[in-house]
């Protein structure tokens, strides 16, 4: 893993091509999407509550998912990563 971000995720249409999943602008974005960066996986309903995990050498370049407290969730992931290495 290379990074964890708590930046708000954009709902902008046509930024990714849906490969498999569901997408209804402003309501839900779940599944695999192809972007200029590679394959992304989304599970989000509220982009303000999402964290983005960027990966190295994996099928997905980024995993974007919704959590209740994104700062706390990001801290847990960062702490776990720092304890691994």
PDB file of N, CA and C in Angstrom:
ATOM      1  N   UNK A   1       0.847  -1.168   0.000  1.00  0.00           N
ATOM      2  CA  UNK A   1       0.000   0.000   0.000  1.00  0.00           C
ATOM      3  C   UNK A   1       0.890   1.228   0.000  1.00  0.00           C
ATOM      4  N   UNK A   2       0.495   2.241  -0.740  1.00  0.00           N
ATOM      5  CA  UNK A   2       1.327   3.434  -0.781  1.00  0.00           C
ATOM      6  C   UNK A   2       0.762   4.590   0.019  1.00  0.00           C
ATOM      7  N   UNK A   3      -0.599   4.701   0.143  1.00  0.00           N
ATOM      8  CA  UNK A   3      -1.141   5.819   0.902  1.00  0.00           C
ATOM      9  C   UNK A   3      -2.605   5.615   1.260  1.00  0.00           C
ATOM     10  N   UNK A   4      -3.052   6.401   2.238  1.00  0.00           N
ATOM     11  CA  UNK A   4      -4.454   6.459   2.642  1.00  0.00           C
ATOM     12  C   UNK A   4      -4.833   7.926   2.647  1.00  0.00           C
ATOM     13  N   UNK A   5      -5.940   8.251   1.985  1.00  0.00           N
ATOM     14  CA  UNK A   5      -6.373   9.643   1.885  1.00  0.00           C
ATOM     15  C   UNK A   5      -7.792   9.803   2.416  1.00  0.00           C
ATOM     16  N   UNK A   6      -8.042  10.922   3.062  1.00  0.00           N
ATOM     17  CA  UNK A   6      -9.389  11.253   3.522  1.00  0.00           C
ATOM     18  C   UNK A   6      -9.979  12.401   2.702  1.00  0.00           C
ATOM     19  N   UNK A   7      -9.353  12.730   1.574  1.00  0.00           N
ATOM     20  CA  UNK A   7      -9.883  13.783   0.704  1.00  0.00           C
ATOM     21  C   UNK A   7     -11.248  13.368   0.165  1.00  0.00           C
ATOM     22  N   UNK A   8     -12.139  14.352   0.004  1.00  0.00           N
ATOM     23  CA  UNK A   8     -13.465  14.059  -0.525  1.00  0.00           C
ATOM     24  C   UNK A   8     -13.359  13.495  -1.942  1.00  0.00           C
ATOM     25  N   UNK A   9     -14.116  12.450  -2.209  1.00  0.00           N
ATOM     26  CA  UNK A   9     -14.132  11.788  -3.506  1.00  0.00           C
ATOM     27  C   UNK A   9     -15.120  12.504  -4.419  1.00  0.00           C
ATOM     28  N   UNK A  10     -14.757  12.671  -5.672  1.00  0.00           N
ATOM     29  CA  UNK A  10     -15.607  13.368  -6.629  1.00  0.00           C
ATOM     30  C   UNK A  10     -16.657  12.440  -7.235  1.00  0.00           C
ATOM     31  N   UNK A  11     -17.850  12.982  -7.455  1.00  0.00           N
ATOM     32  CA  UNK A  11     -18.914  12.248  -8.145  1.00  0.00           C
ATOM     33  C   UNK A  11     -18.898  12.534  -9.633  1.00  0.00           C
ATOM     34  N   UNK A  12     -17.947  13.324 -10.112  1.00  0.00           N
ATOM     35  CA  UNK A  12     -17.952  13.754 -11.510  1.00  0.00           C
ATOM     36  C   UNK A  12     -18.161  12.580 -12.457  1.00  0.00           C
ATOM     37  N   UNK A  13     -19.155  12.723 -13.349  1.00  0.00           N
ATOM     38  CA  UNK A  13     -19.400  11.643 -14.317  1.00  0.00           C
ATOM     39  C   UNK A  13     -18.301  11.581 -15.374  1.00  0.00           C
ATOM     40  N   UNK A  14     -18.177  10.430 -15.986  1.00  0.00           N
ATOM     41  CA  UNK A  14     -17.262  10.192 -17.099  1.00  0.00           C
ATOM     42  C   UNK A  14     -15.782  10.271 -16.713  1.00  0.00           C
ATOM     43  N   UNK A  15     -15.476  10.206 -15.420  1.00  0.00           N
ATOM     44  CA  UNK A  15     -14.089  10.147 -14.985  1.00  0.00           C
ATOM     45  C   UNK A  15     -13.592   8.709 -14.977  1.00  0.00           C
ATOM     46  N   UNK A  16     -14.543   7.769 -14.859  1.00  0.00           N
ATOM     47  CA  UNK A  16     -14.216   6.347 -14.878  1.00  0.00           C
ATOM     48  C   UNK A  16     -15.255   5.615 -15.717  1.00  0.00           C
ATOM     49  N   UNK A  17     -14.847   4.510 -16.284  1.00  0.00           N
ATOM     50  CA  UNK A  17     -15.734   3.642 -17.058  1.00  0.00           C
ATOM     51  C   UNK A  17     -16.129   2.464 -16.175  1.00  0.00           C
ATOM     52  N   UNK A  18     -17.422   2.249 -16.006  1.00  0.00           N
ATOM     53  CA  UNK A  18     -17.892   1.155 -15.160  1.00  0.00           C
ATOM     54  C   UNK A  18     -17.592  -0.186 -15.833  1.00  0.00           C
ATOM     55  N   UNK A  19     -16.908  -1.071 -15.126  1.00  0.00           N
ATOM     56  CA  UNK A  19     -16.611  -2.422 -15.610  1.00  0.00           C
ATOM     57  C   UNK A  19     -17.690  -3.372 -15.091  1.00  0.00           C
ATOM     58  N   UNK A  20     -17.918  -3.329 -13.797  1.00  0.00           N
ATOM     59  CA  UNK A  20     -18.942  -4.154 -13.162  1.00  0.00           C
ATOM     60  C   UNK A  20     -19.386  -3.456 -11.896  1.00  0.00           C
ATOM     61  N   UNK A  21     -20.679  -3.272 -11.745  1.00  0.00           N
ATOM     62  CA  UNK A  21     -21.158  -2.629 -10.539  1.00  0.00           C
ATOM     63  C   UNK A  21     -22.361  -1.758 -10.809  1.00  0.00           C
ATOM     64  N   UNK A  22     -22.604  -0.859  -9.878  1.00  0.00           N
ATOM     65  CA  UNK A  22     -23.750   0.026  -9.924  1.00  0.00           C
ATOM     66  C   UNK A  22     -23.283   1.456  -9.783  1.00  0.00           C
ATOM     67  N   UNK A  23     -23.886   2.339 -10.564  1.00  0.00           N
ATOM     68  CA  UNK A  23     -23.543   3.750 -10.457  1.00  0.00           C
ATOM     69  C   UNK A  23     -24.767   4.583 -10.774  1.00  0.00           C
ATOM     70  N   UNK A  24     -25.172   5.399  -9.819  1.00  0.00           N
ATOM     71  CA  UNK A  24     -26.266   6.334  -9.992  1.00  0.00           C
ATOM     72  C   UNK A  24     -25.783   7.647  -9.400  1.00  0.00           C
ATOM     73  N   UNK A  25     -25.456   8.601 -10.246  1.00  0.00           N
ATOM     74  CA  UNK A  25     -24.815   9.858  -9.855  1.00  0.00           C
ATOM     75  C   UNK A  25     -25.485  10.484  -8.636  1.00  0.00           C
ATOM     76  N   UNK A  26     -24.699  10.716  -7.602  1.00  0.00           N
ATOM     77  CA  UNK A  26     -25.175  11.340  -6.383  1.00  0.00           C
ATOM     78  C   UNK A  26     -25.881  10.415  -5.418  1.00  0.00           C
ATOM     79  N   UNK A  27     -26.012   9.114  -5.781  1.00  0.00           N
ATOM     80  CA  UNK A  27     -26.730   8.176  -4.922  1.00  0.00           C
ATOM     81  C   UNK A  27     -25.850   7.013  -4.491  1.00  0.00           C
ATOM     82  N   UNK A  28     -25.230   6.328  -5.464  1.00  0.00           N
ATOM     83  CA  UNK A  28     -24.438   5.134  -5.155  1.00  0.00           C
ATOM     84  C   UNK A  28     -23.375   4.927  -6.231  1.00  0.00           C
ATOM     85  N   UNK A  29     -22.254   4.433  -5.802  1.00  0.00           N
ATOM     86  CA  UNK A  29     -21.185   4.031  -6.728  1.00  0.00           C
ATOM     87  C   UNK A  29     -20.501   2.826  -6.097  1.00  0.00           C
ATOM     88  N   UNK A  30     -20.796   1.656  -6.637  1.00  0.00           N
ATOM     89  CA  UNK A  30     -20.260   0.395  -6.108  1.00  0.00           C
ATOM     90  C   UNK A  30     -19.724  -0.444  -7.255  1.00  0.00           C
ATOM     91  N   UNK A  31     -18.547  -1.012  -7.071  1.00  0.00           N
ATOM     92  CA  UNK A  31     -18.012  -1.931  -8.048  1.00  0.00           C
ATOM     93  C   UNK A  31     -16.699  -1.497  -8.660  1.00  0.00           C
ATOM     94  N   UNK A  32     -16.344  -2.151  -9.778  1.00  0.00           N
ATOM     95  CA  UNK A  32     -15.074  -1.897 -10.469  1.00  0.00           C
ATOM     96  C   UNK A  32     -15.263  -0.858 -11.563  1.00  0.00           C
ATOM     97  N   UNK A  33     -14.327   0.088 -11.606  1.00  0.00           N
ATOM     98  CA  UNK A  33     -14.339   1.141 -12.606  1.00  0.00           C
ATOM     99  C   UNK A  33     -12.936   1.295 -13.171  1.00  0.00           C
ATOM    100  N   UNK A  34     -12.855   1.583 -14.446  1.00  0.00           N
ATOM    101  CA  UNK A  34     -11.572   1.813 -15.106  1.00  0.00           C
ATOM    102  C   UNK A  34     -11.345   3.311 -15.228  1.00  0.00           C
ATOM    103  N   UNK A  35     -10.184   3.761 -14.787  1.00  0.00           N
ATOM    104  CA  UNK A  35      -9.823   5.180 -14.888  1.00  0.00           C
ATOM    105  C   UNK A  35      -8.476   5.295 -15.592  1.00  0.00           C
ATOM    106  N   UNK A  36      -8.031   6.509 -15.797  1.00  0.00           N
ATOM    107  CA  UNK A  36      -6.718   6.717 -16.412  1.00  0.00           C
ATOM    108  C   UNK A  36      -5.600   6.171 -15.524  1.00  0.00           C
ATOM    109  N   UNK A  37      -5.876   5.999 -14.215  1.00  0.00           N
ATOM    110  CA  UNK A  37      -4.888   5.465 -13.270  1.00  0.00           C
ATOM    111  C   UNK A  37      -4.883   3.945 -13.207  1.00  0.00           C
ATOM    112  N   UNK A  38      -5.927   3.307 -13.737  1.00  0.00           N
ATOM    113  CA  UNK A  38      -6.049   1.857 -13.660  1.00  0.00           C
ATOM    114  C   UNK A  38      -7.414   1.470 -13.131  1.00  0.00           C
ATOM    115  N   UNK A  39      -7.521   0.253 -12.597  1.00  0.00           N
ATOM    116  CA  UNK A  39      -8.801  -0.234 -12.090  1.00  0.00           C
ATOM    117  C   UNK A  39      -8.993   0.229 -10.646  1.00  0.00           C
ATOM    118  N   UNK A  40     -10.172   0.805 -10.387  1.00  0.00           N
ATOM    119  CA  UNK A  40     -10.534   1.299  -9.056  1.00  0.00           C
ATOM    120  C   UNK A  40     -11.728   0.496  -8.548  1.00  0.00           C
ATOM    121  N   UNK A  41     -11.841   0.369  -7.235  1.00  0.00           N
ATOM    122  CA  UNK A  41     -13.018  -0.262  -6.645  1.00  0.00           C
ATOM    123  C   UNK A  41     -13.689   0.741  -5.728  1.00  0.00           C
ATOM    124  N   UNK A  42     -14.983   0.963  -5.944  1.00  0.00           N
ATOM    125  CA  UNK A  42     -15.763   1.902  -5.140  1.00  0.00           C
ATOM    126  C   UNK A  42     -16.815   1.161  -4.328  1.00  0.00           C
ATOM    127  N   UNK A  43     -17.092   1.656  -3.135  1.00  0.00           N
ATOM    128  CA  UNK A  43     -18.247   1.298  -2.332  1.00  0.00           C
ATOM    129  C   UNK A  43     -18.611   2.575  -1.582  1.00  0.00           C
ATOM    130  N   UNK A  44     -19.433   3.413  -2.236  1.00  0.00           N
ATOM    131  CA  UNK A  44     -19.733   4.692  -1.597  1.00  0.00           C
ATOM    132  C   UNK A  44     -21.143   5.168  -1.901  1.00  0.00           C
ATOM    133  N   UNK A  45     -21.667   5.879  -0.915  1.00  0.00           N
ATOM    134  CA  UNK A  45     -22.951   6.552  -1.043  1.00  0.00           C
ATOM    135  C   UNK A  45     -22.761   8.034  -0.722  1.00  0.00           C
ATOM    136  N   UNK A  46     -21.870   8.343   0.202  1.00  0.00           N
ATOM    137  CA  UNK A  46     -21.600   9.722   0.610  1.00  0.00           C
ATOM    138  C   UNK A  46     -20.105   9.997   0.438  1.00  0.00           C
ATOM    139  N   UNK A  47     -19.720  10.739  -0.605  1.00  0.00           N
ATOM    140  CA  UNK A  47     -18.291  10.963  -0.870  1.00  0.00           C
ATOM    141  C   UNK A  47     -17.557  11.712   0.241  1.00  0.00           C
ATOM    142  N   UNK A  48     -18.297  12.374   1.109  1.00  0.00           N
ATOM    143  CA  UNK A  48     -17.660  13.091   2.233  1.00  0.00           C
ATOM    144  C   UNK A  48     -17.225  12.138   3.342  1.00  0.00           C
ATOM    145  N   UNK A  49     -17.714  10.888   3.300  1.00  0.00           N
ATOM    146  CA  UNK A  49     -17.393   9.903   4.333  1.00  0.00           C
ATOM    147  C   UNK A  49     -16.452   8.815   3.830  1.00  0.00           C
ATOM    148  N   UNK A  50     -15.803   9.046   2.691  1.00  0.00           N
ATOM    149  CA  UNK A  50     -14.970   8.008   2.082  1.00  0.00           C
ATOM    150  C   UNK A  50     -13.488   8.193   2.370  1.00  0.00           C
ATOM    151  N   UNK A  51     -12.803   7.064   2.405  1.00  0.00           N
ATOM    152  CA  UNK A  51     -11.345   7.087   2.397  1.00  0.00           C
ATOM    153  C   UNK A  51     -10.883   6.373   1.135  1.00  0.00           C
ATOM    154  N   UNK A  52      -9.716   6.760   0.686  1.00  0.00           N
ATOM    155  CA  UNK A  52      -9.130   6.168  -0.511  1.00  0.00           C
ATOM    156  C   UNK A  52      -7.825   5.494  -0.118  1.00  0.00           C
ATOM    157  N   UNK A  53      -7.732   4.219  -0.404  1.00  0.00           N
ATOM    158  CA  UNK A  53      -6.512   3.460  -0.147  1.00  0.00           C
ATOM    159  C   UNK A  53      -5.854   3.213  -1.501  1.00  0.00           C
ATOM    160  N   UNK A  54      -4.661   3.744  -1.685  1.00  0.00           N
ATOM    161  CA  UNK A  54      -3.894   3.534  -2.919  1.00  0.00           C
ATOM    162  C   UNK A  54      -2.990   2.331  -2.731  1.00  0.00           C
ATOM    163  N   UNK A  55      -2.967   1.467  -3.735  1.00  0.00           N
ATOM    164  CA  UNK A  55      -2.223   0.212  -3.635  1.00  0.00           C
ATOM    165  C   UNK A  55      -1.109   0.141  -4.670  1.00  0.00           C
ATOM    166  N   UNK A  56      -0.086  -0.612  -4.351  1.00  0.00           N
ATOM    167  CA  UNK A  56       1.008  -0.895  -5.284  1.00  0.00           C
ATOM    168  C   UNK A  56       0.966  -2.375  -5.648  1.00  0.00           C
ATOM    169  N   UNK A  57       1.202  -2.682  -6.908  1.00  0.00           N
ATOM    170  CA  UNK A  57       1.324  -4.075  -7.371  1.00  0.00           C
ATOM    171  C   UNK A  57       0.118  -4.941  -7.035  1.00  0.00           C
ATOM    172  N   UNK A  58      -1.077  -4.376  -7.139  1.00  0.00           N
ATOM    173  CA  UNK A  58      -2.311  -5.120  -6.886  1.00  0.00           C
ATOM    174  C   UNK A  58      -3.250  -4.942  -8.067  1.00  0.00           C
ATOM    175  N   UNK A  59      -4.298  -5.753  -8.132  1.00  0.00           N
ATOM    176  CA  UNK A  59      -5.289  -5.643  -9.209  1.00  0.00           C
ATOM    177  C   UNK A  59      -5.907  -4.249  -9.250  1.00  0.00           C
ATOM    178  N   UNK A  60      -6.282  -3.746  -8.087  1.00  0.00           N
ATOM    179  CA  UNK A  60      -6.884  -2.408  -7.992  1.00  0.00           C
ATOM    180  C   UNK A  60      -5.811  -1.383  -7.655  1.00  0.00           C
ATOM    181  N   UNK A  61      -5.846  -0.249  -8.322  1.00  0.00           N
ATOM    182  CA  UNK A  61      -4.911   0.839  -8.005  1.00  0.00           C
ATOM    183  C   UNK A  61      -5.379   1.599  -6.775  1.00  0.00           C
ATOM    184  N   UNK A  62      -6.718   1.688  -6.620  1.00  0.00           N
ATOM    185  CA  UNK A  62      -7.286   2.377  -5.462  1.00  0.00           C
ATOM    186  C   UNK A  62      -8.562   1.669  -5.049  1.00  0.00           C
ATOM    187  N   UNK A  63      -8.810   1.682  -3.742  1.00  0.00           N
ATOM    188  CA  UNK A  63     -10.069   1.213  -3.191  1.00  0.00           C
ATOM    189  C   UNK A  63     -10.667   2.397  -2.439  1.00  0.00           C
ATOM    190  N   UNK A  64     -11.862   2.771  -2.813  1.00  0.00           N
ATOM    191  CA  UNK A  64     -12.541   3.918  -2.220  1.00  0.00           C
ATOM    192  C   UNK A  64     -13.781   3.387  -1.519  1.00  0.00           C
ATOM    193  N   UNK A  65     -13.880   3.605  -0.207  1.00  0.00           N
ATOM    194  CA  UNK A  65     -15.022   3.078   0.521  1.00  0.00           C
ATOM    195  C   UNK A  65     -15.460   4.029   1.625  1.00  0.00           C
ATOM    196  N   UNK A  66     -16.739   3.899   1.954  1.00  0.00           N
ATOM    197  CA  UNK A  66     -17.367   4.777   2.932  1.00  0.00           C
ATOM    198  C   UNK A  66     -17.250   4.194   4.335  1.00  0.00           C
ATOM    199  N   UNK A  67     -16.958   5.071   5.289  1.00  0.00           N
ATOM    200  CA  UNK A  67     -16.887   4.700   6.702  1.00  0.00           C
ATOM    201  C   UNK A  67     -17.583   5.780   7.514  1.00  0.00           C
ATOM    202  N   UNK A  68     -17.926   5.478   8.748  1.00  0.00           N
ATOM    203  CA  UNK A  68     -18.592   6.479   9.592  1.00  0.00           C
ATOM    204  C   UNK A  68     -17.655   7.611   9.997  1.00  0.00           C
ATOM    205  N   UNK A  69     -16.419   7.270  10.376  1.00  0.00           N
ATOM    206  CA  UNK A  69     -15.444   8.272  10.828  1.00  0.00           C
ATOM    207  C   UNK A  69     -14.170   8.074  10.018  1.00  0.00           C
ATOM    208  N   UNK A  70     -14.032   8.841   8.955  1.00  0.00           N
ATOM    209  CA  UNK A  70     -12.920   8.598   8.028  1.00  0.00           C
ATOM    210  C   UNK A  70     -11.556   8.921   8.625  1.00  0.00           C
ATOM    211  N   UNK A  71     -11.463   9.906   9.486  1.00  0.00           N
ATOM    212  CA  UNK A  71     -10.165  10.220  10.099  1.00  0.00           C
ATOM    213  C   UNK A  71      -9.716   9.084  11.007  1.00  0.00           C
ATOM    214  N   UNK A  72     -10.632   8.542  11.792  1.00  0.00           N
ATOM    215  CA  UNK A  72     -10.316   7.429  12.693  1.00  0.00           C
ATOM    216  C   UNK A  72      -9.938   6.179  11.893  1.00  0.00           C
ATOM    217  N   UNK A  73     -10.719   5.862  10.861  1.00  0.00           N
ATOM    218  CA  UNK A  73     -10.436   4.682  10.038  1.00  0.00           C
ATOM    219  C   UNK A  73      -9.081   4.803   9.350  1.00  0.00           C
ATOM    220  N   UNK A  74      -8.786   5.982   8.820  1.00  0.00           N
ATOM    221  CA  UNK A  74      -7.496   6.194   8.154  1.00  0.00           C
ATOM    222  C   UNK A  74      -6.348   6.038   9.152  1.00  0.00           C
ATOM    223  N   UNK A  75      -6.533   6.520  10.379  1.00  0.00           N
ATOM    224  CA  UNK A  75      -5.490   6.398  11.399  1.00  0.00           C
ATOM    225  C   UNK A  75      -5.237   4.925  11.734  1.00  0.00           C
ATOM    226  N   UNK A  76      -6.300   4.146  11.854  1.00  0.00           N
ATOM    227  CA  UNK A  76      -6.143   2.715  12.153  1.00  0.00           C
ATOM    228  C   UNK A  76      -5.332   2.028  11.051  1.00  0.00           C
ATOM    229  N   UNK A  77      -5.657   2.327   9.802  1.00  0.00           N
ATOM    230  CA  UNK A  77      -4.945   1.711   8.673  1.00  0.00           C
ATOM    231  C   UNK A  77      -3.480   2.145   8.676  1.00  0.00           C
ATOM    232  N   UNK A  78      -3.241   3.443   8.857  1.00  0.00           N
ATOM    233  CA  UNK A  78      -1.855   3.941   8.883  1.00  0.00           C
ATOM    234  C   UNK A  78      -1.052   3.325  10.011  1.00  0.00           C
ATOM    235  N   UNK A  79      -1.673   3.236  11.199  1.00  0.00           N
ATOM    236  CA  UNK A  79      -0.976   2.641  12.344  1.00  0.00           C
ATOM    237  C   UNK A  79      -0.644   1.178  12.085  1.00  0.00           C
ATOM    238  N   UNK A  80      -1.591   0.438  11.509  1.00  0.00           N
ATOM    239  CA  UNK A  80      -1.348  -0.975  11.203  1.00  0.00           C
ATOM    240  C   UNK A  80      -0.198  -1.123  10.213  1.00  0.00           C
ATOM    241  N   UNK A  81      -0.159  -0.257   9.212  1.00  0.00           N
ATOM    242  CA  UNK A  81       0.917  -0.321   8.232  1.00  0.00           C
ATOM    243  C   UNK A  81       2.277  -0.002   8.846  1.00  0.00           C
ATOM    244  N   UNK A  82       2.300   0.969   9.725  1.00  0.00           N
ATOM    245  CA  UNK A  82       3.589   1.334  10.344  1.00  0.00           C
ATOM    246  C   UNK A  82       4.075   0.220  11.273  1.00  0.00           C
ATOM    247  N   UNK A  83       3.172  -0.536  11.867  1.00  0.00           N
ATOM    248  CA  UNK A  83       3.557  -1.666  12.728  1.00  0.00           C
ATOM    249  C   UNK A  83       4.035  -2.875  11.934  1.00  0.00           C
ATOM    250  N   UNK A  84       3.677  -2.932  10.644  1.00  0.00           N
ATOM    251  CA  UNK A  84       4.075  -4.057   9.796  1.00  0.00           C
ATOM    252  C   UNK A  84       5.507  -3.917   9.304  1.00  0.00           C
ATOM    253  N   UNK A  85       5.946  -2.698   9.186  1.00  0.00           N
ATOM    254  CA  UNK A  85       7.220  -2.549   8.508  1.00  0.00           C
ATOM    255  C   UNK A  85       8.299  -1.982   9.288  1.00  0.00           C
TER     256      UNK A  85
END
